[in-house]
Amino acid sequence: MKRDVTRILSAIHDGDRQAASELLPLVYEELRKLAASKMNQEKSGQTLQPTALVHEAFLRLVGGETPQEWDSRGHFFAAAAEAMRRILIDNARRRGRNKRGGDYVRQELHEESAFVDADDVDDLLALDDALNKLALEDADLAKLVELRYFTGLTIEETAQVLGQSSRTVKRHWAFARAWLQREINA
């Protein structure tokens, strides 16, 4: 299946419009699972559903006039993580809340814990601001956070996508979590 995805991504890059229809069935379930994982953390009244998130991300990735160039399956999923992040952030901004100020509560960070309360638009926007700052300092760490937080990949899956060892990803994940938590609480 991995080779099929890479082959189809290459065909999309070469301008084959039919290839996109072949790609969706191969990646849909995985993208849907990742989106559902993220959306489970959202408020119950959320208007954006996992299916809509997957479809919007997929359209952003392969539906444009200019074909994207994908190096690999991992590159595609990294782009999907970024697309899902942008969609969630745009949706949060549309909900239009004001920032709430200094009511931050210190929390202990666990290995799999989120940086922010996904129910709170302001927290999500603060995470986006902090992630943008992190990307300026270390784009690879920001990509790791996108893969872990916005798509819910495990340490092992993230290591595979990034082409790094699980141990390196775990060490970078711990650093990125601490950096972002400090930035958000500042």
C-alpha atoms as a PDB file:
ATOM      1  CA  MET A   1       0.000   0.000   0.000  1.00  0.00           C
ATOM      2  CA  LYS A   2       2.840   2.422   0.807  1.00  0.00           C
ATOM      3  CA  ARG A   3       4.202   1.994  -2.708  1.00  0.00           C
ATOM      4  CA  ASP A   4       0.743   2.528  -4.183  1.00  0.00           C
ATOM      5  CA  VAL A   5       0.373   5.813  -2.304  1.00  0.00           C
ATOM      6  CA  THR A   6       3.808   6.994  -3.414  1.00  0.00           C
ATOM      7  CA  ARG A   7       3.072   5.962  -7.035  1.00  0.00           C
ATOM      8  CA  ILE A   8      -0.262   7.789  -7.020  1.00  0.00           C
ATOM      9  CA  LEU A   9       1.258  10.897  -5.439  1.00  0.00           C
ATOM     10  CA  SER A  10       3.834  10.917  -8.211  1.00  0.00           C
ATOM     11  CA  ALA A  11       1.059  10.617 -10.815  1.00  0.00           C
ATOM     12  CA  ILE A  12      -0.789  13.548  -9.232  1.00  0.00           C
ATOM     13  CA  HIS A  13       2.383  15.601  -9.436  1.00  0.00           C
ATOM     14  CA  ASP A  14       2.692  14.685 -13.115  1.00  0.00           C
ATOM     15  CA  GLY A  15      -0.781  16.142 -13.718  1.00  0.00           C
ATOM     16  CA  ASP A  16      -2.921  12.988 -13.727  1.00  0.00           C
ATOM     17  CA  ARG A  17      -6.283  14.264 -12.426  1.00  0.00           C
ATOM     18  CA  GLN A  18      -7.678  10.704 -12.135  1.00  0.00           C
ATOM     19  CA  ALA A  19      -4.914   9.742  -9.700  1.00  0.00           C
ATOM     20  CA  ALA A  20      -6.511  11.816  -6.931  1.00  0.00           C
ATOM     21  CA  SER A  21      -9.600   9.624  -7.073  1.00  0.00           C
ATOM     22  CA  GLU A  22      -7.350   6.576  -6.620  1.00  0.00           C
ATOM     23  CA  LEU A  23      -5.545   8.152  -3.673  1.00  0.00           C
ATOM     24  CA  LEU A  24      -8.528   8.964  -1.483  1.00  0.00           C
ATOM     25  CA  PRO A  25      -9.625   5.341  -0.881  1.00  0.00           C
ATOM     26  CA  LEU A  26      -6.056   4.386   0.078  1.00  0.00           C
ATOM     27  CA  VAL A  27      -5.516   7.156   2.631  1.00  0.00           C
ATOM     28  CA  TYR A  28      -9.074   7.981   3.682  1.00  0.00           C
ATOM     29  CA  GLU A  29      -9.393   5.610   6.619  1.00  0.00           C
ATOM     30  CA  GLU A  30      -6.030   6.618   8.047  1.00  0.00           C
ATOM     31  CA  LEU A  31      -6.795  10.327   7.645  1.00  0.00           C
ATOM     32  CA  ARG A  32     -10.300   9.821   9.077  1.00  0.00           C
ATOM     33  CA  LYS A  33      -8.879   8.012  12.112  1.00  0.00           C
ATOM     34  CA  LEU A  34      -6.416  10.841  12.707  1.00  0.00           C
ATOM     35  CA  ALA A  35      -9.103  13.495  12.266  1.00  0.00           C
ATOM     36  CA  ALA A  36     -11.513  11.644  14.561  1.00  0.00           C
ATOM     37  CA  SER A  37      -8.811  11.420  17.208  1.00  0.00           C
ATOM     38  CA  LYS A  38      -8.304  15.169  17.085  1.00  0.00           C
ATOM     39  CA  MET A  39     -11.994  16.004  16.853  1.00  0.00           C
ATOM     40  CA  ASN A  40     -12.817  13.862  19.899  1.00  0.00           C
ATOM     41  CA  GLN A  41     -11.005  16.517  21.920  1.00  0.00           C
ATOM     42  CA  GLU A  42     -13.238  19.289  20.559  1.00  0.00           C
ATOM     43  CA  LYS A  43     -16.458  20.572  22.126  1.00  0.00           C
ATOM     44  CA  SER A  44     -19.568  18.489  21.550  1.00  0.00           C
ATOM     45  CA  GLY A  45     -21.252  21.424  19.783  1.00  0.00           C
ATOM     46  CA  GLN A  46     -18.451  21.597  17.221  1.00  0.00           C
ATOM     47  CA  THR A  47     -19.748  22.250  13.715  1.00  0.00           C
ATOM     48  CA  LEU A  48     -16.695  20.750  12.049  1.00  0.00           C
ATOM     49  CA  GLN A  49     -16.823  16.944  11.917  1.00  0.00           C
ATOM     50  CA  PRO A  50     -13.927  14.516  11.256  1.00  0.00           C
ATOM     51  CA  THR A  51     -15.284  13.656   7.804  1.00  0.00           C
ATOM     52  CA  ALA A  52     -15.438  17.325   6.867  1.00  0.00           C
ATOM     53  CA  LEU A  53     -11.930  17.864   8.225  1.00  0.00           C
ATOM     54  CA  VAL A  54     -10.564  14.988   6.129  1.00  0.00           C
ATOM     55  CA  HIS A  55     -12.351  16.163   2.995  1.00  0.00           C
ATOM     56  CA  GLU A  56     -11.239  19.764   3.413  1.00  0.00           C
ATOM     57  CA  ALA A  57      -7.630  18.708   4.070  1.00  0.00           C
ATOM     58  CA  PHE A  58      -7.688  16.332   1.100  1.00  0.00           C
ATOM     59  CA  LEU A  59      -9.032  19.045  -1.202  1.00  0.00           C
ATOM     60  CA  ARG A  60      -6.328  21.428  -0.046  1.00  0.00           C
ATOM     61  CA  LEU A  61      -3.693  18.779  -0.730  1.00  0.00           C
ATOM     62  CA  VAL A  62      -4.729  17.496  -4.152  1.00  0.00           C
ATOM     63  CA  GLY A  63      -7.570  19.718  -5.355  1.00  0.00           C
ATOM     64  CA  GLY A  64      -5.630  22.801  -6.394  1.00  0.00           C
ATOM     65  CA  GLU A  65      -4.888  23.954  -9.902  1.00  0.00           C
ATOM     66  CA  THR A  66      -1.143  23.537  -9.479  1.00  0.00           C
ATOM     67  CA  PRO A  67      -0.107  19.954  -8.702  1.00  0.00           C
ATOM     68  CA  GLN A  68       1.832  19.390  -5.485  1.00  0.00           C
ATOM     69  CA  GLU A  69       5.097  17.504  -5.411  1.00  0.00           C
ATOM     70  CA  TRP A  70       5.189  14.688  -2.854  1.00  0.00           C
ATOM     71  CA  ASP A  71       8.499  13.026  -2.029  1.00  0.00           C
ATOM     72  CA  SER A  72       6.870  10.136  -0.200  1.00  0.00           C
ATOM     73  CA  ARG A  73       3.903   8.883   1.749  1.00  0.00           C
ATOM     74  CA  GLY A  74       5.419  10.487   4.854  1.00  0.00           C
ATOM     75  CA  HIS A  75       5.649  13.842   3.088  1.00  0.00           C
ATOM     76  CA  PHE A  76       1.961  13.582   2.162  1.00  0.00           C
ATOM     77  CA  PHE A  77       0.921  12.827   5.746  1.00  0.00           C
ATOM     78  CA  ALA A  78       3.097  15.658   7.063  1.00  0.00           C
ATOM     79  CA  ALA A  79       1.303  17.987   4.652  1.00  0.00           C
ATOM     80  CA  ALA A  80      -2.030  16.522   5.792  1.00  0.00           C
ATOM     81  CA  ALA A  81      -1.101  17.328   9.406  1.00  0.00           C
ATOM     82  CA  GLU A  82      -0.353  20.907   8.476  1.00  0.00           C
ATOM     83  CA  ALA A  83      -3.562  21.191   6.445  1.00  0.00           C
ATOM     84  CA  MET A  84      -5.644  19.868   9.361  1.00  0.00           C
ATOM     85  CA  ARG A  85      -3.927  22.311  11.692  1.00  0.00           C
ATOM     86  CA  ARG A  86      -4.707  25.237   9.384  1.00  0.00           C
ATOM     87  CA  ILE A  87      -8.335  24.158   9.021  1.00  0.00           C
ATOM     88  CA  LEU A  88      -8.813  23.848  12.794  1.00  0.00           C
ATOM     89  CA  ILE A  89      -7.127  27.197  13.415  1.00  0.00           C
ATOM     90  CA  ASP A  90      -9.214  28.899  10.707  1.00  0.00           C
ATOM     91  CA  ASN A  91     -12.343  27.378  12.203  1.00  0.00           C
ATOM     92  CA  ALA A  92     -11.358  28.586  15.681  1.00  0.00           C
ATOM     93  CA  ARG A  93     -10.751  32.101  14.378  1.00  0.00           C
ATOM     94  CA  ARG A  94     -14.133  32.115  12.675  1.00  0.00           C
ATOM     95  CA  ARG A  95     -15.751  31.383  16.003  1.00  0.00           C
ATOM     96  CA  GLY A  96     -14.332  34.776  16.934  1.00  0.00           C
ATOM     97  CA  ARG A  97     -13.692  34.735  20.651  1.00  0.00           C
ATOM     98  CA  ASN A  98     -11.514  37.307  22.338  1.00  0.00           C
ATOM     99  CA  LYS A  99      -8.361  36.170  24.047  1.00  0.00           C
ATOM    100  CA  ARG A 100      -9.061  35.553  27.699  1.00  0.00           C
ATOM    101  CA  GLY A 101      -5.883  36.946  29.238  1.00  0.00           C
ATOM    102  CA  GLY A 102      -3.956  35.612  32.190  1.00  0.00           C
ATOM    103  CA  ASP A 103      -6.265  32.932  33.549  1.00  0.00           C
ATOM    104  CA  TYR A 104      -3.800  30.184  32.753  1.00  0.00           C
ATOM    105  CA  VAL A 105      -3.686  27.232  35.089  1.00  0.00           C
ATOM    106  CA  ARG A 106      -0.443  25.330  35.507  1.00  0.00           C
ATOM    107  CA  GLN A 107      -0.778  21.690  34.495  1.00  0.00           C
ATOM    108  CA  GLU A 108       1.553  18.746  34.742  1.00  0.00           C
ATOM    109  CA  LEU A 109       2.514  17.504  31.297  1.00  0.00           C
ATOM    110  CA  HIS A 110       2.269  13.800  30.640  1.00  0.00           C
ATOM    111  CA  GLU A 111       3.769  11.987  27.666  1.00  0.00           C
ATOM    112  CA  GLU A 112       0.552  11.932  25.649  1.00  0.00           C
ATOM    113  CA  SER A 113      -1.068  15.092  26.993  1.00  0.00           C
ATOM    114  CA  ALA A 114      -2.151  17.975  24.839  1.00  0.00           C
ATOM    115  CA  PHE A 115      -0.584  21.406  25.250  1.00  0.00           C
ATOM    116  CA  VAL A 116      -3.904  23.153  25.493  1.00  0.00           C
ATOM    117  CA  ASP A 117      -7.548  22.527  26.223  1.00  0.00           C
ATOM    118  CA  ALA A 118      -8.975  21.694  22.791  1.00  0.00           C
ATOM    119  CA  ASP A 119     -12.386  22.911  23.983  1.00  0.00           C
ATOM    120  CA  ASP A 120     -11.068  26.447  24.270  1.00  0.00           C
ATOM    121  CA  VAL A 121     -10.665  28.463  21.069  1.00  0.00           C
ATOM    122  CA  ASP A 122      -8.325  30.875  22.809  1.00  0.00           C
ATOM    123  CA  ASP A 123      -6.022  28.036  23.869  1.00  0.00           C
ATOM    124  CA  LEU A 124      -5.962  26.678  20.330  1.00  0.00           C
ATOM    125  CA  LEU A 125      -5.074  30.100  18.943  1.00  0.00           C
ATOM    126  CA  ALA A 126      -2.366  30.510  21.603  1.00  0.00           C
ATOM    127  CA  LEU A 127      -0.948  27.147  20.545  1.00  0.00           C
ATOM    128  CA  ASP A 128      -0.946  28.277  16.924  1.00  0.00           C
ATOM    129  CA  ASP A 129       0.939  31.472  17.831  1.00  0.00           C
ATOM    130  CA  ALA A 130       3.474  29.508  19.874  1.00  0.00           C
ATOM    131  CA  LEU A 131       3.858  26.909  17.115  1.00  0.00           C
ATOM    132  CA  ASN A 132       4.547  29.656  14.586  1.00  0.00           C
ATOM    133  CA  LYS A 133       7.295  31.009  16.882  1.00  0.00           C
ATOM    134  CA  LEU A 134       8.727  27.522  17.264  1.00  0.00           C
ATOM    135  CA  ALA A 135       8.755  27.084  13.479  1.00  0.00           C
ATOM    136  CA  LEU A 136      10.921  30.203  13.194  1.00  0.00           C
ATOM    137  CA  GLU A 137      13.424  28.722  15.631  1.00  0.00           C
ATOM    138  CA  ASP A 138      13.246  25.079  14.571  1.00  0.00           C
ATOM    139  CA  ALA A 139      10.990  24.053  11.681  1.00  0.00           C
ATOM    140  CA  ASP A 140      11.638  20.343  12.305  1.00  0.00           C
ATOM    141  CA  LEU A 141      10.344  20.572  15.881  1.00  0.00           C
ATOM    142  CA  ALA A 142       7.259  22.416  14.659  1.00  0.00           C
ATOM    143  CA  LYS A 143       6.618  19.661  12.091  1.00  0.00           C
ATOM    144  CA  LEU A 144       6.971  17.046  14.821  1.00  0.00           C
ATOM    145  CA  VAL A 145       4.375  18.859  16.947  1.00  0.00           C
ATOM    146  CA  GLU A 146       1.977  19.074  14.006  1.00  0.00           C
ATOM    147  CA  LEU A 147       2.305  15.355  13.390  1.00  0.00           C
ATOM    148  CA  ARG A 148       1.843  14.408  17.041  1.00  0.00           C
ATOM    149  CA  TYR A 149      -0.762  16.955  18.124  1.00  0.00           C
ATOM    150  CA  PHE A 150      -2.853  17.646  15.037  1.00  0.00           C
ATOM    151  CA  THR A 151      -2.911  14.162  13.528  1.00  0.00           C
ATOM    152  CA  GLY A 152      -2.393  12.115  16.686  1.00  0.00           C
ATOM    153  CA  LEU A 153       0.476  10.004  15.348  1.00  0.00           C
ATOM    154  CA  THR A 154       2.343   7.893  17.887  1.00  0.00           C
ATOM    155  CA  ILE A 155       6.047   8.346  18.594  1.00  0.00           C
ATOM    156  CA  GLU A 156       6.814   5.380  16.321  1.00  0.00           C
ATOM    157  CA  GLU A 157       4.592   6.629  13.481  1.00  0.00           C
ATOM    158  CA  THR A 158       6.068  10.109  13.752  1.00  0.00           C
ATOM    159  CA  ALA A 159       9.596   8.668  13.678  1.00  0.00           C
ATOM    160  CA  GLN A 160       8.726   6.762  10.519  1.00  0.00           C
ATOM    161  CA  VAL A 161       7.268   9.846   8.794  1.00  0.00           C
ATOM    162  CA  LEU A 162      10.247  12.012   9.800  1.00  0.00           C
ATOM    163  CA  GLY A 163      12.839   9.337   9.052  1.00  0.00           C
ATOM    164  CA  GLN A 164      14.245   9.505  12.583  1.00  0.00           C
ATOM    165  CA  SER A 165      14.643   7.029  15.396  1.00  0.00           C
ATOM    166  CA  SER A 166      11.864   6.722  17.969  1.00  0.00           C
ATOM    167  CA  ARG A 167      14.325   7.695  20.659  1.00  0.00           C
ATOM    168  CA  THR A 168      15.216  10.949  18.870  1.00  0.00           C
ATOM    169  CA  VAL A 169      11.556  11.768  18.281  1.00  0.00           C
ATOM    170  CA  LYS A 170      10.739  11.088  21.940  1.00  0.00           C
ATOM    171  CA  ARG A 171      13.557  13.402  23.077  1.00  0.00           C
ATOM    172  CA  HIS A 172      12.523  16.162  20.635  1.00  0.00           C
ATOM    173  CA  TRP A 173       8.849  15.717  21.598  1.00  0.00           C
ATOM    174  CA  ALA A 174       9.675  16.269  25.279  1.00  0.00           C
ATOM    175  CA  PHE A 175      11.644  19.406  24.436  1.00  0.00           C
ATOM    176  CA  ALA A 176       8.945  20.771  22.100  1.00  0.00           C
ATOM    177  CA  ARG A 177       6.195  20.165  24.687  1.00  0.00           C
ATOM    178  CA  ALA A 178       8.164  22.025  27.349  1.00  0.00           C
ATOM    179  CA  TRP A 179       9.056  24.868  24.968  1.00  0.00           C
ATOM    180  CA  LEU A 180       5.463  25.328  23.834  1.00  0.00           C
ATOM    181  CA  GLN A 181       4.064  25.080  27.362  1.00  0.00           C
ATOM    182  CA  ARG A 182       6.486  27.786  28.511  1.00  0.00           C
ATOM    183  CA  GLU A 183       5.585  29.960  25.522  1.00  0.00           C
ATOM    184  CA  ILE A 184       1.835  29.528  26.011  1.00  0.00           C
ATOM    185  CA  ASN A 185       2.015  30.254  29.745  1.00  0.00           C
ATOM    186  CA  ALA A 186       4.314  33.255  29.334  1.00  0.00           C
END
